[in-house]
């Protein structure tokens, strides 16, 4: 049985608030007519974020053969790495901000993709937003189609698709980061057919992507 179900306040009356919660089988199964309400600040980490982070940490622990009691050690290692990269002080998943939790989860997903660690949770995180998925693949130096390393950048902003050197990319360019196999396919078949086959759109180069290339993807 679930401990908490997310709901939202939809109206206010003289007697109190009217709260809407999604349907849950437990309500009918256990004939529940009363419940406790847990108030949570919209700026604090959510329970879903906390669970997502620990699932990803578990995947990293398992993928690096450090399951069981080593899971906490992996969490400490990941937090330290995240804090050092972002120049921030240590934090706790019990009471950190929602924004920091989001960035930490994105960091964990990027680490998983970069190190070829199996993780359904990481893949599912980007199923609903193609742009976020492509961005994560780029930042992890992975082909946007498969799990091979990205070896070529194809600029599709011009009339003719072409290979471009990473250092020549400019903000606003539309590109695909691909392995040799998929880069060759794109150049051979053309942008229209490529995007019809893989149901994708190019990624627009932003400042963070340019900085990542300048850093040598370290």
N, C-alpha and C. Protein backbone atom coordinates (compact mmCIF):
# COMPACT_ATOMS: atom_id res chain seq x y z
N UNK A 1 0.84 -1.20 0.00
CA UNK A 1 0.00 0.00 0.00
C UNK A 1 0.88 1.25 0.00
N UNK A 2 0.52 2.27 -0.80
CA UNK A 2 1.30 3.48 -0.88
C UNK A 2 1.20 4.27 0.42
N UNK A 3 2.31 4.90 0.84
CA UNK A 3 2.31 5.74 2.03
C UNK A 3 1.76 7.12 1.73
N UNK A 4 2.13 7.65 0.56
CA UNK A 4 1.71 9.00 0.20
C UNK A 4 1.23 9.04 -1.25
N UNK A 5 0.18 9.80 -1.48
CA UNK A 5 -0.34 10.02 -2.83
C UNK A 5 -0.40 11.53 -3.06
N UNK A 6 0.21 11.99 -4.10
CA UNK A 6 0.24 13.42 -4.37
C UNK A 6 -1.14 13.94 -4.76
N UNK A 7 -1.52 15.05 -4.17
CA UNK A 7 -2.77 15.70 -4.50
C UNK A 7 -2.54 17.19 -4.65
N UNK A 8 -3.60 17.94 -4.89
CA UNK A 8 -3.45 19.39 -5.02
C UNK A 8 -4.70 20.10 -4.52
N UNK A 9 -4.52 21.32 -4.02
CA UNK A 9 -5.62 22.12 -3.54
C UNK A 9 -6.31 22.76 -4.74
N UNK A 10 -7.62 22.53 -4.87
CA UNK A 10 -8.33 23.06 -6.04
C UNK A 10 -9.31 24.17 -5.67
N UNK A 11 -9.62 24.32 -4.36
CA UNK A 11 -10.54 25.39 -3.97
C UNK A 11 -10.43 25.64 -2.47
N UNK A 12 -10.86 26.83 -2.07
CA UNK A 12 -10.86 27.20 -0.66
C UNK A 12 -12.26 27.64 -0.25
N UNK A 13 -12.76 27.11 0.87
CA UNK A 13 -14.07 27.47 1.38
C UNK A 13 -13.92 28.03 2.79
N UNK A 14 -15.02 28.43 3.40
CA UNK A 14 -14.96 28.94 4.77
C UNK A 14 -14.51 27.87 5.74
N UNK A 15 -14.86 26.63 5.45
CA UNK A 15 -14.53 25.53 6.36
C UNK A 15 -13.12 25.00 6.16
N UNK A 16 -12.53 25.25 5.00
CA UNK A 16 -11.20 24.74 4.75
C UNK A 16 -10.90 24.63 3.26
N UNK A 17 -10.08 23.67 2.91
CA UNK A 17 -9.65 23.51 1.53
C UNK A 17 -10.25 22.25 0.92
N UNK A 18 -10.52 22.31 -0.37
CA UNK A 18 -10.94 21.12 -1.11
C UNK A 18 -9.73 20.59 -1.86
N UNK A 19 -9.38 19.35 -1.58
CA UNK A 19 -8.17 18.75 -2.14
C UNK A 19 -8.54 17.62 -3.09
N UNK A 20 -7.90 17.62 -4.26
CA UNK A 20 -8.13 16.58 -5.26
C UNK A 20 -6.93 15.63 -5.28
N UNK A 21 -7.22 14.34 -5.16
CA UNK A 21 -6.16 13.33 -5.25
C UNK A 21 -6.52 12.35 -6.35
N UNK A 22 -5.52 11.81 -7.05
CA UNK A 22 -5.80 10.85 -8.13
C UNK A 22 -6.40 9.56 -7.58
N UNK A 23 -7.10 8.83 -8.45
CA UNK A 23 -7.70 7.57 -8.04
C UNK A 23 -6.62 6.56 -7.64
N UNK A 24 -6.90 5.80 -6.61
CA UNK A 24 -5.98 4.77 -6.14
C UNK A 24 -6.79 3.53 -5.76
N UNK A 25 -6.33 2.37 -6.20
CA UNK A 25 -7.05 1.12 -5.93
C UNK A 25 -7.17 0.86 -4.43
N UNK A 26 -6.19 1.36 -3.65
CA UNK A 26 -6.21 1.11 -2.21
C UNK A 26 -7.43 1.73 -1.53
N UNK A 27 -7.94 2.83 -2.09
CA UNK A 27 -9.08 3.50 -1.49
C UNK A 27 -10.30 2.58 -1.47
N UNK A 28 -10.56 1.91 -2.60
CA UNK A 28 -11.68 0.97 -2.67
C UNK A 28 -11.37 -0.32 -1.92
N UNK A 29 -10.13 -0.78 -2.10
CA UNK A 29 -9.77 -2.08 -1.50
C UNK A 29 -9.87 -2.07 0.01
N UNK A 30 -9.42 -0.98 0.63
CA UNK A 30 -9.42 -0.91 2.09
C UNK A 30 -10.54 -0.02 2.64
N UNK A 31 -11.43 0.40 1.74
CA UNK A 31 -12.58 1.22 2.15
C UNK A 31 -12.13 2.44 2.96
N UNK A 32 -11.19 3.17 2.42
CA UNK A 32 -10.63 4.33 3.11
C UNK A 32 -11.54 5.55 2.93
N UNK A 33 -11.91 6.17 4.05
CA UNK A 33 -12.76 7.37 4.00
C UNK A 33 -12.06 8.58 4.61
N UNK A 34 -10.97 8.36 5.32
CA UNK A 34 -10.21 9.45 5.93
C UNK A 34 -8.73 9.28 5.60
N UNK A 35 -8.02 10.38 5.65
CA UNK A 35 -6.59 10.29 5.38
C UNK A 35 -5.85 11.43 6.06
N UNK A 36 -4.56 11.26 6.23
CA UNK A 36 -3.70 12.32 6.77
C UNK A 36 -3.14 13.11 5.60
N UNK A 37 -2.96 14.39 5.78
CA UNK A 37 -2.42 15.25 4.73
C UNK A 37 -1.05 15.76 5.14
N UNK A 38 -0.08 15.53 4.29
CA UNK A 38 1.29 15.99 4.53
C UNK A 38 1.54 17.24 3.70
N UNK A 39 1.79 18.35 4.37
CA UNK A 39 2.05 19.60 3.68
C UNK A 39 3.53 19.68 3.30
N UNK A 40 3.79 20.07 2.08
CA UNK A 40 5.18 20.13 1.60
C UNK A 40 5.41 21.42 0.84
N UNK A 41 6.51 22.07 1.14
CA UNK A 41 6.85 23.31 0.46
C UNK A 41 7.12 23.03 -1.02
N UNK A 42 6.61 23.86 -1.92
CA UNK A 42 6.85 23.66 -3.35
C UNK A 42 8.31 23.86 -3.74
N UNK A 43 9.11 24.41 -2.82
CA UNK A 43 10.52 24.64 -3.13
C UNK A 43 11.41 23.50 -2.70
N UNK A 44 10.86 22.54 -1.91
CA UNK A 44 11.66 21.43 -1.41
C UNK A 44 11.57 20.21 -2.32
N UNK A 45 12.55 19.34 -2.21
CA UNK A 45 12.60 18.10 -2.98
C UNK A 45 11.31 17.30 -2.77
N UNK A 46 10.82 16.68 -3.84
CA UNK A 46 9.60 15.88 -3.73
C UNK A 46 9.97 14.43 -3.42
N UNK A 47 8.98 13.68 -2.97
CA UNK A 47 9.22 12.26 -2.68
C UNK A 47 9.59 11.51 -3.95
N UNK A 48 8.96 11.90 -5.08
CA UNK A 48 9.27 11.25 -6.36
C UNK A 48 10.73 11.50 -6.75
N UNK A 49 11.21 12.72 -6.54
CA UNK A 49 12.61 13.03 -6.85
C UNK A 49 13.55 12.21 -5.98
N UNK A 50 13.22 12.12 -4.71
CA UNK A 50 14.06 11.37 -3.77
C UNK A 50 14.14 9.90 -4.18
N UNK A 51 13.00 9.32 -4.52
CA UNK A 51 12.97 7.92 -4.95
C UNK A 51 13.74 7.73 -6.25
N UNK A 52 13.56 8.68 -7.19
CA UNK A 52 14.26 8.60 -8.47
C UNK A 52 15.77 8.63 -8.27
N UNK A 53 16.24 9.53 -7.41
CA UNK A 53 17.68 9.64 -7.15
C UNK A 53 18.23 8.33 -6.59
N UNK A 54 17.52 7.73 -5.63
CA UNK A 54 18.02 6.51 -5.03
C UNK A 54 17.97 5.32 -5.99
N UNK A 55 16.98 5.31 -6.88
CA UNK A 55 16.93 4.26 -7.90
C UNK A 55 18.15 4.37 -8.82
N UNK A 56 18.47 5.59 -9.24
CA UNK A 56 19.63 5.82 -10.10
C UNK A 56 20.92 5.47 -9.39
N UNK A 57 21.02 5.83 -8.11
CA UNK A 57 22.20 5.49 -7.32
C UNK A 57 22.34 3.97 -7.22
N UNK A 58 21.20 3.29 -7.04
CA UNK A 58 21.23 1.83 -6.99
C UNK A 58 21.71 1.23 -8.30
N UNK A 59 21.28 1.83 -9.42
CA UNK A 59 21.73 1.35 -10.73
C UNK A 59 23.24 1.54 -10.90
N UNK A 60 23.75 2.67 -10.42
CA UNK A 60 25.19 2.92 -10.50
C UNK A 60 25.95 1.94 -9.63
N UNK A 61 25.42 1.67 -8.43
CA UNK A 61 26.07 0.72 -7.53
C UNK A 61 26.12 -0.67 -8.14
N UNK A 62 24.99 -1.08 -8.73
CA UNK A 62 24.93 -2.41 -9.35
C UNK A 62 25.80 -2.47 -10.60
N UNK A 63 25.80 -1.38 -11.37
CA UNK A 63 26.60 -1.35 -12.59
C UNK A 63 28.09 -1.32 -12.36
N UNK A 64 28.48 -0.93 -11.14
CA UNK A 64 29.90 -0.89 -10.80
C UNK A 64 30.25 -1.95 -9.75
N UNK A 65 29.35 -2.94 -9.63
CA UNK A 65 29.56 -4.07 -8.71
C UNK A 65 29.77 -3.62 -7.26
N UNK A 66 28.92 -2.64 -6.84
CA UNK A 66 29.01 -2.18 -5.45
C UNK A 66 27.62 -2.15 -4.84
N UNK A 67 26.91 -3.25 -4.97
CA UNK A 67 25.55 -3.34 -4.46
C UNK A 67 25.57 -3.57 -2.95
N UNK A 68 24.40 -3.61 -2.36
CA UNK A 68 24.29 -3.85 -0.93
C UNK A 68 24.74 -2.67 -0.10
N UNK A 69 25.58 -2.94 0.88
CA UNK A 69 26.00 -1.89 1.82
C UNK A 69 26.84 -0.82 1.16
N UNK A 70 27.32 -1.07 -0.07
CA UNK A 70 28.14 -0.08 -0.75
C UNK A 70 27.29 1.00 -1.43
N UNK A 71 25.96 0.86 -1.39
CA UNK A 71 25.08 1.83 -2.03
C UNK A 71 25.24 3.21 -1.41
N UNK A 72 25.35 3.27 -0.09
CA UNK A 72 25.54 4.56 0.59
C UNK A 72 26.88 5.19 0.20
N UNK A 73 27.89 4.35 0.02
CA UNK A 73 29.20 4.85 -0.38
C UNK A 73 29.15 5.45 -1.78
N UNK A 74 28.39 4.81 -2.67
CA UNK A 74 28.21 5.33 -4.03
C UNK A 74 27.50 6.68 -3.98
N UNK A 75 26.50 6.77 -3.12
CA UNK A 75 25.76 8.03 -2.98
C UNK A 75 26.70 9.16 -2.52
N UNK A 76 27.53 8.89 -1.54
CA UNK A 76 28.48 9.89 -1.05
C UNK A 76 29.46 10.30 -2.14
N UNK A 77 29.90 9.31 -2.91
CA UNK A 77 30.84 9.57 -4.00
C UNK A 77 30.21 10.43 -5.08
N UNK A 78 28.97 10.11 -5.43
CA UNK A 78 28.27 10.88 -6.46
C UNK A 78 27.98 12.30 -5.99
N UNK A 79 27.57 12.45 -4.73
CA UNK A 79 27.30 13.79 -4.20
C UNK A 79 28.56 14.64 -4.17
N UNK A 80 29.67 14.04 -3.76
CA UNK A 80 30.93 14.77 -3.71
C UNK A 80 31.34 15.24 -5.11
N UNK A 81 31.20 14.34 -6.08
CA UNK A 81 31.55 14.67 -7.46
C UNK A 81 30.64 15.80 -7.98
N UNK A 82 29.34 15.69 -7.68
CA UNK A 82 28.38 16.70 -8.13
C UNK A 82 28.68 18.06 -7.50
N UNK A 83 28.98 18.07 -6.21
CA UNK A 83 29.27 19.32 -5.51
C UNK A 83 30.55 19.97 -6.02
N UNK A 84 31.57 19.15 -6.28
CA UNK A 84 32.83 19.69 -6.77
C UNK A 84 32.68 20.28 -8.16
N UNK A 85 31.90 19.63 -9.00
CA UNK A 85 31.70 20.12 -10.37
C UNK A 85 30.89 21.40 -10.41
N UNK A 86 30.00 21.57 -9.44
CA UNK A 86 29.12 22.73 -9.43
C UNK A 86 29.50 23.77 -8.38
N UNK A 87 30.60 23.52 -7.68
CA UNK A 87 31.12 24.45 -6.68
C UNK A 87 30.07 24.80 -5.63
N UNK A 88 29.44 23.77 -5.08
CA UNK A 88 28.43 23.97 -4.04
C UNK A 88 28.79 23.14 -2.82
N UNK A 89 28.18 23.49 -1.68
CA UNK A 89 28.43 22.76 -0.45
C UNK A 89 27.61 21.48 -0.43
N UNK A 90 27.93 20.59 0.50
CA UNK A 90 27.23 19.32 0.60
C UNK A 90 25.76 19.55 0.94
N UNK A 91 24.92 18.63 0.53
CA UNK A 91 23.49 18.73 0.74
C UNK A 91 22.92 17.36 1.08
N UNK A 92 21.66 17.33 1.48
CA UNK A 92 21.00 16.08 1.83
C UNK A 92 19.74 15.90 0.99
N UNK A 93 19.49 14.68 0.56
CA UNK A 93 18.28 14.39 -0.21
C UNK A 93 17.03 14.44 0.66
N UNK A 94 17.20 14.62 1.94
CA UNK A 94 16.03 14.68 2.82
C UNK A 94 15.40 16.07 2.84
N UNK A 95 16.21 17.11 2.57
CA UNK A 95 15.65 18.46 2.68
C UNK A 95 16.26 19.47 1.71
N UNK A 96 16.86 19.01 0.62
CA UNK A 96 17.44 19.95 -0.33
C UNK A 96 16.34 20.60 -1.17
N UNK A 97 16.68 21.59 -1.95
CA UNK A 97 15.69 22.26 -2.78
C UNK A 97 15.29 21.39 -3.96
N UNK A 98 14.14 21.66 -4.51
CA UNK A 98 13.64 20.91 -5.67
C UNK A 98 14.56 21.14 -6.87
N UNK A 99 15.05 22.38 -7.01
CA UNK A 99 15.94 22.70 -8.13
C UNK A 99 17.25 21.93 -8.03
N UNK A 100 17.81 21.86 -6.82
CA UNK A 100 19.06 21.13 -6.65
C UNK A 100 18.86 19.63 -6.89
N UNK A 101 17.72 19.11 -6.46
CA UNK A 101 17.40 17.70 -6.67
C UNK A 101 17.30 17.40 -8.17
N UNK A 102 16.68 18.31 -8.91
CA UNK A 102 16.56 18.13 -10.37
C UNK A 102 17.93 18.08 -11.02
N UNK A 103 18.81 18.99 -10.64
CA UNK A 103 20.15 19.03 -11.21
C UNK A 103 20.96 17.79 -10.82
N UNK A 104 20.78 17.32 -9.58
CA UNK A 104 21.50 16.12 -9.13
C UNK A 104 21.04 14.89 -9.91
N UNK A 105 19.74 14.78 -10.13
CA UNK A 105 19.20 13.66 -10.89
C UNK A 105 19.73 13.70 -12.32
N UNK A 106 19.77 14.88 -12.93
CA UNK A 106 20.31 15.02 -14.28
C UNK A 106 21.79 14.64 -14.31
N UNK A 107 22.51 14.98 -13.25
CA UNK A 107 23.92 14.59 -13.14
C UNK A 107 24.07 13.08 -13.08
N UNK A 108 23.23 12.43 -12.29
CA UNK A 108 23.29 10.96 -12.16
C UNK A 108 22.98 10.29 -13.49
N UNK A 109 21.97 10.81 -14.20
CA UNK A 109 21.60 10.24 -15.50
C UNK A 109 22.74 10.41 -16.49
N UNK A 110 23.35 11.60 -16.50
CA UNK A 110 24.47 11.85 -17.40
C UNK A 110 25.64 10.91 -17.09
N UNK A 111 25.88 10.66 -15.81
CA UNK A 111 26.96 9.75 -15.40
C UNK A 111 26.66 8.34 -15.89
N UNK A 112 25.41 7.92 -15.77
CA UNK A 112 25.01 6.58 -16.20
C UNK A 112 25.19 6.41 -17.71
N UNK A 113 24.75 7.40 -18.47
CA UNK A 113 24.87 7.33 -19.93
C UNK A 113 26.34 7.34 -20.37
N UNK A 114 27.13 8.19 -19.72
CA UNK A 114 28.53 8.32 -20.10
C UNK A 114 29.32 7.05 -19.82
N UNK A 115 28.92 6.32 -18.77
CA UNK A 115 29.66 5.13 -18.37
C UNK A 115 28.97 3.82 -18.77
N UNK A 116 27.98 3.92 -19.67
CA UNK A 116 27.30 2.72 -20.21
C UNK A 116 26.75 1.82 -19.11
N UNK A 117 26.13 2.41 -18.11
CA UNK A 117 25.55 1.65 -17.01
C UNK A 117 24.08 1.36 -17.32
N UNK A 118 23.67 0.10 -17.31
CA UNK A 118 22.26 -0.23 -17.59
C UNK A 118 21.34 0.44 -16.58
N UNK A 119 20.30 1.11 -17.06
CA UNK A 119 19.38 1.78 -16.15
C UNK A 119 18.08 2.12 -16.86
N UNK A 120 17.01 1.41 -16.52
CA UNK A 120 15.70 1.72 -17.09
C UNK A 120 15.23 3.09 -16.63
N UNK A 121 15.54 3.43 -15.38
CA UNK A 121 15.10 4.72 -14.83
C UNK A 121 15.71 5.88 -15.59
N UNK A 122 16.98 5.74 -15.99
CA UNK A 122 17.64 6.82 -16.72
C UNK A 122 17.02 6.99 -18.10
N UNK A 123 16.73 5.89 -18.76
CA UNK A 123 16.13 5.96 -20.09
C UNK A 123 14.70 6.52 -20.04
N UNK A 124 13.94 6.08 -19.02
CA UNK A 124 12.56 6.53 -18.90
C UNK A 124 12.48 8.02 -18.60
N UNK A 125 13.52 8.59 -18.02
CA UNK A 125 13.49 9.99 -17.64
C UNK A 125 13.37 10.91 -18.84
N UNK A 126 13.81 10.42 -20.00
CA UNK A 126 13.79 11.28 -21.18
C UNK A 126 12.80 10.82 -22.24
N UNK A 127 11.98 9.83 -21.90
CA UNK A 127 11.02 9.34 -22.88
C UNK A 127 10.01 10.41 -23.29
N UNK A 128 9.67 11.32 -22.36
CA UNK A 128 8.63 12.29 -22.66
C UNK A 128 9.15 13.56 -23.31
N UNK A 129 10.46 13.75 -23.36
CA UNK A 129 11.01 14.96 -23.93
C UNK A 129 12.23 14.63 -24.79
N UNK A 130 12.03 14.60 -26.10
CA UNK A 130 13.11 14.24 -27.01
C UNK A 130 14.28 15.19 -26.88
N UNK A 131 14.01 16.47 -26.72
CA UNK A 131 15.09 17.45 -26.65
C UNK A 131 15.99 17.19 -25.45
N UNK A 132 15.38 16.87 -24.30
CA UNK A 132 16.17 16.58 -23.11
C UNK A 132 17.01 15.32 -23.32
N UNK A 133 16.41 14.33 -23.99
CA UNK A 133 17.12 13.09 -24.24
C UNK A 133 18.35 13.34 -25.12
N UNK A 134 18.15 14.09 -26.21
CA UNK A 134 19.26 14.38 -27.12
C UNK A 134 20.35 15.20 -26.42
N UNK A 135 19.92 16.14 -25.57
CA UNK A 135 20.86 16.96 -24.84
C UNK A 135 21.70 16.09 -23.90
N UNK A 136 21.04 15.15 -23.22
CA UNK A 136 21.77 14.25 -22.31
C UNK A 136 22.77 13.39 -23.07
N UNK A 137 22.38 12.92 -24.26
CA UNK A 137 23.29 12.12 -25.07
C UNK A 137 24.51 12.94 -25.50
N UNK A 138 24.25 14.19 -25.89
CA UNK A 138 25.34 15.07 -26.31
C UNK A 138 26.30 15.31 -25.15
N UNK A 139 25.77 15.67 -23.99
CA UNK A 139 26.61 15.99 -22.84
C UNK A 139 27.37 14.77 -22.35
N UNK A 140 26.86 13.58 -22.65
CA UNK A 140 27.54 12.34 -22.26
C UNK A 140 28.43 11.79 -23.36
N UNK A 141 28.52 12.54 -24.48
CA UNK A 141 29.36 12.14 -25.62
C UNK A 141 28.91 10.80 -26.19
N UNK A 142 27.60 10.62 -26.31
CA UNK A 142 27.03 9.39 -26.85
C UNK A 142 26.27 9.69 -28.14
N UNK A 143 26.28 8.71 -29.04
CA UNK A 143 25.50 8.82 -30.27
C UNK A 143 24.02 9.00 -29.90
N UNK A 144 23.33 9.88 -30.60
CA UNK A 144 21.94 10.15 -30.30
C UNK A 144 21.00 9.03 -30.74
N UNK A 145 21.54 8.04 -31.44
CA UNK A 145 20.73 6.91 -31.91
C UNK A 145 21.02 5.64 -31.12
N UNK A 146 22.30 5.37 -30.90
CA UNK A 146 22.68 4.13 -30.21
C UNK A 146 23.58 4.45 -29.03
N UNK A 147 24.17 3.43 -28.42
CA UNK A 147 25.01 3.61 -27.25
C UNK A 147 26.50 3.78 -27.58
N UNK A 148 26.82 3.85 -28.86
CA UNK A 148 28.23 4.04 -29.25
C UNK A 148 28.66 5.47 -28.91
N UNK A 149 29.97 5.66 -28.81
CA UNK A 149 30.49 7.00 -28.55
C UNK A 149 30.21 7.90 -29.74
N UNK A 150 29.98 9.18 -29.45
CA UNK A 150 29.79 10.16 -30.52
C UNK A 150 31.14 10.49 -31.12
N UNK A 151 31.28 10.33 -32.41
CA UNK A 151 32.56 10.61 -33.07
C UNK A 151 32.46 11.73 -34.10
N UNK A 152 31.21 12.10 -34.46
CA UNK A 152 31.05 13.12 -35.50
C UNK A 152 29.84 14.02 -35.23
N UNK A 153 29.99 15.27 -35.61
CA UNK A 153 28.89 16.23 -35.52
C UNK A 153 28.42 16.57 -36.93
N UNK A 154 27.13 16.39 -37.16
CA UNK A 154 26.58 16.68 -38.48
C UNK A 154 25.70 17.93 -38.38
N UNK A 155 26.09 18.96 -39.10
CA UNK A 155 25.32 20.20 -39.12
C UNK A 155 24.24 20.10 -40.19
N UNK A 156 22.99 20.18 -39.75
CA UNK A 156 21.88 20.08 -40.70
C UNK A 156 21.19 21.44 -40.84
N UNK A 157 21.88 22.49 -40.42
CA UNK A 157 21.32 23.83 -40.51
C UNK A 157 21.46 24.39 -41.92
N UNK A 158 22.41 23.83 -42.67
CA UNK A 158 22.65 24.30 -44.04
C UNK A 158 21.78 23.53 -45.03
N UNK A 159 21.83 23.93 -46.28
CA UNK A 159 21.08 23.24 -47.33
C UNK A 159 21.60 21.81 -47.49
N UNK A 160 22.91 21.65 -47.38
CA UNK A 160 23.55 20.34 -47.51
C UNK A 160 24.08 19.90 -46.15
N UNK A 161 23.72 18.69 -45.70
CA UNK A 161 24.21 18.16 -44.44
C UNK A 161 25.71 17.92 -44.56
N UNK A 162 26.47 18.23 -43.52
CA UNK A 162 27.91 18.06 -43.60
C UNK A 162 28.53 17.85 -42.22
N UNK A 163 29.68 17.15 -42.21
CA UNK A 163 30.47 17.00 -41.00
C UNK A 163 31.05 18.36 -40.63
N UNK A 164 31.10 18.62 -39.32
CA UNK A 164 31.72 19.86 -38.87
C UNK A 164 32.65 19.56 -37.70
N UNK A 165 33.71 20.33 -37.58
CA UNK A 165 34.62 20.19 -36.45
C UNK A 165 33.96 20.77 -35.20
N UNK A 166 34.10 20.12 -34.03
CA UNK A 166 33.46 20.60 -32.81
C UNK A 166 33.76 22.07 -32.52
N UNK A 167 35.00 22.48 -32.78
CA UNK A 167 35.39 23.85 -32.47
C UNK A 167 34.74 24.91 -33.34
N UNK A 168 34.11 24.49 -34.42
CA UNK A 168 33.48 25.46 -35.33
C UNK A 168 31.99 25.66 -35.04
N UNK A 169 31.45 24.88 -34.10
CA UNK A 169 30.02 25.01 -33.79
C UNK A 169 29.74 26.36 -33.15
N UNK A 170 28.61 26.92 -33.52
CA UNK A 170 28.19 28.20 -32.98
C UNK A 170 26.80 28.08 -32.37
N UNK A 171 26.52 28.98 -31.45
CA UNK A 171 25.21 28.98 -30.80
C UNK A 171 24.11 29.15 -31.85
N UNK A 172 23.12 28.25 -31.78
CA UNK A 172 22.01 28.31 -32.73
C UNK A 172 22.12 27.29 -33.85
N UNK A 173 23.32 26.69 -34.04
CA UNK A 173 23.47 25.65 -35.06
C UNK A 173 22.57 24.46 -34.73
N UNK A 174 22.09 23.77 -35.77
CA UNK A 174 21.28 22.57 -35.58
C UNK A 174 22.12 21.36 -35.95
N UNK A 175 22.32 20.46 -35.00
CA UNK A 175 23.25 19.36 -35.22
C UNK A 175 22.70 18.02 -34.72
N UNK A 176 23.38 16.97 -35.19
CA UNK A 176 23.22 15.64 -34.63
C UNK A 176 24.61 15.18 -34.20
N UNK A 177 24.68 14.58 -33.03
CA UNK A 177 25.93 14.00 -32.52
C UNK A 177 25.81 12.49 -32.73
N UNK A 178 26.62 11.93 -33.63
CA UNK A 178 26.41 10.55 -34.07
C UNK A 178 27.70 9.73 -34.11
N UNK A 179 27.54 8.42 -34.10
CA UNK A 179 28.66 7.52 -34.34
C UNK A 179 28.90 7.47 -35.86
N UNK A 180 29.96 6.83 -36.28
CA UNK A 180 30.28 6.77 -37.72
C UNK A 180 29.15 6.15 -38.54
N UNK A 181 28.57 5.07 -38.01
CA UNK A 181 27.53 4.35 -38.74
C UNK A 181 26.33 5.25 -39.03
N UNK A 182 25.82 5.92 -38.01
CA UNK A 182 24.62 6.73 -38.20
C UNK A 182 24.92 8.06 -38.88
N UNK A 183 26.15 8.55 -38.73
CA UNK A 183 26.54 9.76 -39.46
C UNK A 183 26.58 9.47 -40.96
N UNK A 184 27.14 8.33 -41.33
CA UNK A 184 27.19 7.94 -42.74
C UNK A 184 25.78 7.77 -43.31
N UNK A 185 24.87 7.19 -42.50
CA UNK A 185 23.50 6.99 -42.95
C UNK A 185 22.82 8.33 -43.21
N UNK A 186 23.02 9.29 -42.29
CA UNK A 186 22.42 10.61 -42.46
C UNK A 186 22.94 11.31 -43.71
N UNK A 187 24.24 11.25 -43.92
CA UNK A 187 24.83 11.93 -45.08
C UNK A 187 24.42 11.24 -46.39
N UNK A 188 24.21 9.94 -46.34
CA UNK A 188 23.83 9.20 -47.54
C UNK A 188 22.36 9.39 -47.88
N UNK A 189 21.47 9.29 -46.87
CA UNK A 189 20.04 9.34 -47.11
C UNK A 189 19.48 10.76 -47.08
N UNK A 190 20.17 11.65 -46.36
CA UNK A 190 19.66 13.00 -46.25
C UNK A 190 18.85 13.22 -44.98
N UNK A 191 18.71 14.47 -44.60
CA UNK A 191 18.05 14.86 -43.35
C UNK A 191 16.59 14.40 -43.30
N UNK A 192 15.85 14.56 -44.37
CA UNK A 192 14.42 14.25 -44.36
C UNK A 192 14.16 12.78 -44.07
N UNK A 193 14.84 11.90 -44.79
CA UNK A 193 14.65 10.46 -44.59
C UNK A 193 15.17 10.03 -43.22
N UNK A 194 16.32 10.57 -42.84
CA UNK A 194 16.92 10.24 -41.53
C UNK A 194 15.93 10.54 -40.40
N UNK A 195 15.32 11.71 -40.44
CA UNK A 195 14.42 12.11 -39.36
C UNK A 195 13.10 11.35 -39.41
N UNK A 196 12.70 10.89 -40.60
CA UNK A 196 11.50 10.07 -40.70
C UNK A 196 11.74 8.69 -40.11
N UNK A 197 12.92 8.15 -40.37
CA UNK A 197 13.26 6.80 -39.87
C UNK A 197 13.41 6.80 -38.36
N UNK A 198 14.13 7.76 -37.81
CA UNK A 198 14.42 7.77 -36.37
C UNK A 198 13.50 8.68 -35.57
N UNK A 199 12.59 9.37 -36.23
CA UNK A 199 11.61 10.24 -35.58
C UNK A 199 12.32 11.19 -34.62
N UNK A 200 13.25 11.94 -35.14
CA UNK A 200 14.03 12.88 -34.33
C UNK A 200 14.09 14.24 -35.00
N UNK A 201 14.44 15.22 -34.20
CA UNK A 201 14.74 16.55 -34.71
C UNK A 201 16.12 16.94 -34.22
N UNK A 202 16.83 17.78 -34.97
CA UNK A 202 18.19 18.15 -34.55
C UNK A 202 18.21 18.92 -33.24
N UNK A 203 19.34 18.89 -32.60
CA UNK A 203 19.53 19.61 -31.34
C UNK A 203 20.11 20.99 -31.65
N UNK A 204 19.54 22.01 -31.06
CA UNK A 204 20.03 23.37 -31.26
C UNK A 204 21.18 23.63 -30.29
N UNK A 205 22.31 24.02 -30.81
CA UNK A 205 23.51 24.24 -29.99
C UNK A 205 23.29 25.43 -29.05
N UNK A 206 23.58 25.21 -27.77
CA UNK A 206 23.48 26.26 -26.76
C UNK A 206 24.83 26.55 -26.14
N UNK A 207 24.87 27.52 -25.27
CA UNK A 207 26.12 27.95 -24.65
C UNK A 207 26.76 26.83 -23.84
N UNK A 208 25.94 26.06 -23.10
CA UNK A 208 26.48 24.97 -22.28
C UNK A 208 27.16 23.91 -23.14
N UNK A 209 26.59 23.65 -24.31
CA UNK A 209 27.17 22.65 -25.21
C UNK A 209 28.52 23.11 -25.74
N UNK A 210 28.61 24.39 -26.09
CA UNK A 210 29.88 24.94 -26.58
C UNK A 210 30.94 24.89 -25.49
N UNK A 211 30.54 25.23 -24.26
CA UNK A 211 31.48 25.18 -23.13
C UNK A 211 31.95 23.76 -22.88
N UNK A 212 31.05 22.79 -23.04
CA UNK A 212 31.41 21.39 -22.82
C UNK A 212 32.46 20.95 -23.83
N UNK A 213 32.31 21.38 -25.07
CA UNK A 213 33.29 21.04 -26.10
C UNK A 213 34.63 21.69 -25.82
N UNK A 214 34.60 22.95 -25.38
CA UNK A 214 35.83 23.66 -25.07
C UNK A 214 36.59 23.02 -23.91
N UNK A 215 35.82 22.42 -22.99
CA UNK A 215 36.42 21.75 -21.82
C UNK A 215 37.01 20.40 -22.21
N UNK A 216 36.79 19.98 -23.43
CA UNK A 216 37.30 18.68 -23.86
C UNK A 216 36.48 17.53 -23.32
N UNK A 217 35.22 17.85 -22.88
CA UNK A 217 34.30 16.82 -22.34
C UNK A 217 34.90 16.09 -21.17
N UNK A 218 35.63 16.76 -20.33
CA UNK A 218 36.21 16.12 -19.16
C UNK A 218 35.19 16.10 -18.03
